[in-house]
Amino acid sequence: MIKKILKGMGITLLVIICLFVILAVWTSFKASGYKETAIPYLTPALTEISKWDAQTLKSYMTPTSIEGVSDDDLSKIVRAFSKLGDLK
């Protein structure tokens, strides 16, 4: 009886460990794709956006997001975020 319980617990533990390993490999695989696309884009974009200029920020926005915000609201948002300090 105890042998069956221990065997069941061992199998459960092994399945959990395997799931964590698969999750770690999958996450690493997905993250490697961002190194080729996101990082080269973000490096210059963050440098420009950190100047807290509404027109510069607008040049990095998508057309849908530009339609959803007025120039006055965008200026207010940029001013509010600029009070937080330098973008790091």
Protein backbone atom coordinates (compact mmCIF):
# COMPACT_ATOMS: atom_id res chain seq x y z
CA MET A 1 0.00 0.00 0.00
CA ILE A 2 2.72 2.51 0.96
CA LYS A 3 4.73 1.44 -2.07
CA LYS A 4 1.83 2.39 -4.38
CA ILE A 5 1.44 5.78 -2.69
CA LEU A 6 5.17 6.52 -2.97
CA LYS A 7 5.16 5.40 -6.59
CA GLY A 8 2.21 7.71 -7.35
CA MET A 9 3.90 10.62 -5.60
CA GLY A 10 7.12 9.96 -7.52
CA ILE A 11 5.31 9.91 -10.85
CA THR A 12 3.45 13.10 -9.97
CA LEU A 13 6.69 14.82 -8.99
CA LEU A 14 8.35 13.66 -12.21
CA VAL A 15 5.47 15.02 -14.30
CA ILE A 16 5.65 18.38 -12.51
CA ILE A 17 9.41 18.59 -13.06
CA CYS A 18 8.97 17.71 -16.74
CA LEU A 19 6.33 20.44 -17.11
CA PHE A 20 8.67 23.01 -15.58
CA VAL A 21 11.50 21.97 -17.90
CA ILE A 22 9.24 22.16 -20.95
CA LEU A 23 7.99 25.59 -19.82
CA ALA A 24 11.55 26.87 -19.34
CA VAL A 25 12.64 25.65 -22.78
CA TRP A 26 9.55 27.12 -24.45
CA THR A 27 10.00 30.47 -22.69
CA SER A 28 13.65 30.61 -23.70
CA PHE A 29 12.74 29.80 -27.31
CA LYS A 30 10.08 32.53 -27.42
CA ALA A 31 12.40 35.10 -25.81
CA SER A 32 15.17 34.47 -28.34
CA GLY A 33 12.91 35.76 -31.11
CA TYR A 34 12.61 39.11 -29.37
CA LYS A 35 16.37 39.59 -29.42
CA GLU A 36 16.22 39.86 -33.20
CA THR A 37 13.14 42.07 -33.48
CA ALA A 38 12.26 43.97 -30.32
CA ILE A 39 15.68 44.92 -28.94
CA PRO A 40 16.95 46.60 -32.13
CA TYR A 41 13.70 48.60 -32.26
CA LEU A 42 13.53 49.50 -28.57
CA THR A 43 17.09 50.78 -28.19
CA PRO A 44 16.68 53.87 -30.41
CA ALA A 45 12.96 54.23 -29.65
CA LEU A 46 13.46 54.50 -25.90
CA THR A 47 16.25 57.02 -26.38
CA GLU A 48 13.95 59.24 -28.44
CA ILE A 49 10.85 58.74 -26.28
CA SER A 50 12.79 59.60 -23.12
CA LYS A 51 13.08 63.19 -24.36
CA TRP A 52 9.38 63.54 -23.42
CA ASP A 53 8.34 65.25 -26.64
CA ALA A 54 4.74 64.58 -27.70
CA GLN A 55 5.49 64.68 -31.45
CA THR A 56 8.38 62.24 -31.07
CA LEU A 57 6.16 59.90 -29.11
CA LYS A 58 3.48 60.24 -31.76
CA SER A 59 5.93 59.09 -34.44
CA TYR A 60 6.30 55.77 -32.58
CA MET A 61 2.58 55.24 -32.02
CA THR A 62 0.40 52.97 -34.14
CA PRO A 63 -2.24 54.54 -36.40
CA THR A 64 -5.01 53.13 -34.21
CA SER A 65 -3.58 54.67 -31.06
CA ILE A 66 -3.04 58.01 -32.81
CA GLU A 67 -6.73 58.08 -33.76
CA GLY A 68 -7.73 57.36 -30.17
CA VAL A 69 -5.94 60.32 -28.57
CA SER A 70 -6.05 64.03 -29.33
CA ASP A 71 -2.91 66.15 -29.49
CA ASP A 72 -3.95 67.98 -26.32
CA ASP A 73 -4.49 64.73 -24.41
CA LEU A 74 -1.18 63.35 -25.67
CA SER A 75 0.61 66.47 -24.43
CA LYS A 76 -1.03 66.07 -21.01
CA ILE A 77 -0.01 62.42 -20.85
CA VAL A 78 3.58 63.19 -21.81
CA ARG A 79 3.78 65.98 -19.21
CA ALA A 80 2.40 63.66 -16.54
CA PHE A 81 4.91 60.93 -17.35
CA SER A 82 7.81 63.38 -17.58
CA LYS A 83 7.23 64.22 -13.91
CA LEU A 84 8.22 60.66 -13.05
CA GLY A 85 11.79 61.40 -14.09
CA ASP A 86 14.19 59.98 -16.63
CA LEU A 87 13.12 56.93 -18.60
CA LYS A 88 15.41 54.03 -17.82
